[in-house]
Amino acid sequence: MLSNSSSEIIHELYKDYKETTLIVGATRAVNSVATERGKVDEVIVKNY
């Protein structure tokens, strides 16, 4: 299993694994703008 921030390149790299790919909301506590901290899309690719 791997995870990565959701971006166009990640979607392109793992496009052949759509059956085992999930997009989830991941909480990020680090941001230079405090009001923008929160959930971002994270790509999970499972190999099982």
C-alpha atoms as a PDB file:
ATOM      1  CA  MET A   1       0.000   0.000   0.000  1.00  0.00           C
ATOM      2  CA  LEU A   2       1.179   3.495  -0.712  1.00  0.00           C
ATOM      3  CA  SER A   3      -0.202   6.965  -0.237  1.00  0.00           C
ATOM      4  CA  ASN A   4       0.589  10.282  -1.824  1.00  0.00           C
ATOM      5  CA  SER A   5      -0.900  13.714  -2.057  1.00  0.00           C
ATOM      6  CA  SER A   6      -3.503  13.903  -4.790  1.00  0.00           C
ATOM      7  CA  SER A   7      -2.031  15.571  -7.861  1.00  0.00           C
ATOM      8  CA  GLU A   8      -2.323  15.229 -11.583  1.00  0.00           C
ATOM      9  CA  ILE A   9       0.994  13.368 -11.919  1.00  0.00           C
ATOM     10  CA  ILE A  10       0.026  10.839  -9.233  1.00  0.00           C
ATOM     11  CA  HIS A  11      -3.291  10.145 -10.966  1.00  0.00           C
ATOM     12  CA  GLU A  12      -1.432   9.678 -14.248  1.00  0.00           C
ATOM     13  CA  LEU A  13       1.194   7.366 -12.730  1.00  0.00           C
ATOM     14  CA  TYR A  14      -1.394   5.081 -11.120  1.00  0.00           C
ATOM     15  CA  LYS A  15      -4.186   5.256 -13.707  1.00  0.00           C
ATOM     16  CA  ASP A  16      -3.895   1.508 -14.375  1.00  0.00           C
ATOM     17  CA  TYR A  17      -4.706   0.758 -10.716  1.00  0.00           C
ATOM     18  CA  LYS A  18      -8.147   2.396 -10.506  1.00  0.00           C
ATOM     19  CA  GLU A  19      -9.714  -0.771  -9.073  1.00  0.00           C
ATOM     20  CA  THR A  20      -7.471  -0.608  -6.009  1.00  0.00           C
ATOM     21  CA  THR A  21      -7.143   3.172  -5.652  1.00  0.00           C
ATOM     22  CA  LEU A  22      -9.016   5.301  -3.123  1.00  0.00           C
ATOM     23  CA  ILE A  23      -9.094   9.045  -2.606  1.00  0.00           C
ATOM     24  CA  VAL A  24      -9.569  10.028   1.021  1.00  0.00           C
ATOM     25  CA  GLY A  25      -9.490  13.227   3.033  1.00  0.00           C
ATOM     26  CA  ALA A  26      -6.305  13.493   5.077  1.00  0.00           C
ATOM     27  CA  THR A  27      -5.892  16.082   7.811  1.00  0.00           C
ATOM     28  CA  ARG A  28      -2.870  18.331   7.450  1.00  0.00           C
ATOM     29  CA  ALA A  29      -1.839  20.405  10.455  1.00  0.00           C
ATOM     30  CA  VAL A  30       1.054  22.175   8.740  1.00  0.00           C
ATOM     31  CA  ASN A  31       0.351  25.203   6.588  1.00  0.00           C
ATOM     32  CA  SER A  32       1.781  28.703   6.671  1.00  0.00           C
ATOM     33  CA  VAL A  33      -1.797  30.038   6.674  1.00  0.00           C
ATOM     34  CA  ALA A  34      -3.531  28.714   9.794  1.00  0.00           C
ATOM     35  CA  THR A  35      -7.026  29.125   8.350  1.00  0.00           C
ATOM     36  CA  GLU A  36      -6.124  26.846   5.435  1.00  0.00           C
ATOM     37  CA  ARG A  37      -5.133  23.886   7.599  1.00  0.00           C
ATOM     38  CA  GLY A  38      -7.427  20.924   7.344  1.00  0.00           C
ATOM     39  CA  LYS A  39      -8.360  18.139   4.976  1.00  0.00           C
ATOM     40  CA  VAL A  40      -6.701  17.609   1.624  1.00  0.00           C
ATOM     41  CA  ASP A  41      -7.174  14.791  -0.867  1.00  0.00           C
ATOM     42  CA  GLU A  42      -4.809  11.843  -0.433  1.00  0.00           C
ATOM     43  CA  VAL A  43      -4.479   8.970  -2.919  1.00  0.00           C
ATOM     44  CA  ILE A  44      -4.232   5.452  -1.465  1.00  0.00           C
ATOM     45  CA  VAL A  45      -3.098   2.672  -3.835  1.00  0.00           C
ATOM     46  CA  LYS A  46      -3.485  -0.854  -2.495  1.00  0.00           C
ATOM     47  CA  ASN A  47      -1.615  -3.865  -3.814  1.00  0.00           C
ATOM     48  CA  TYR A  48      -3.981  -6.404  -2.297  1.00  0.00           C
END
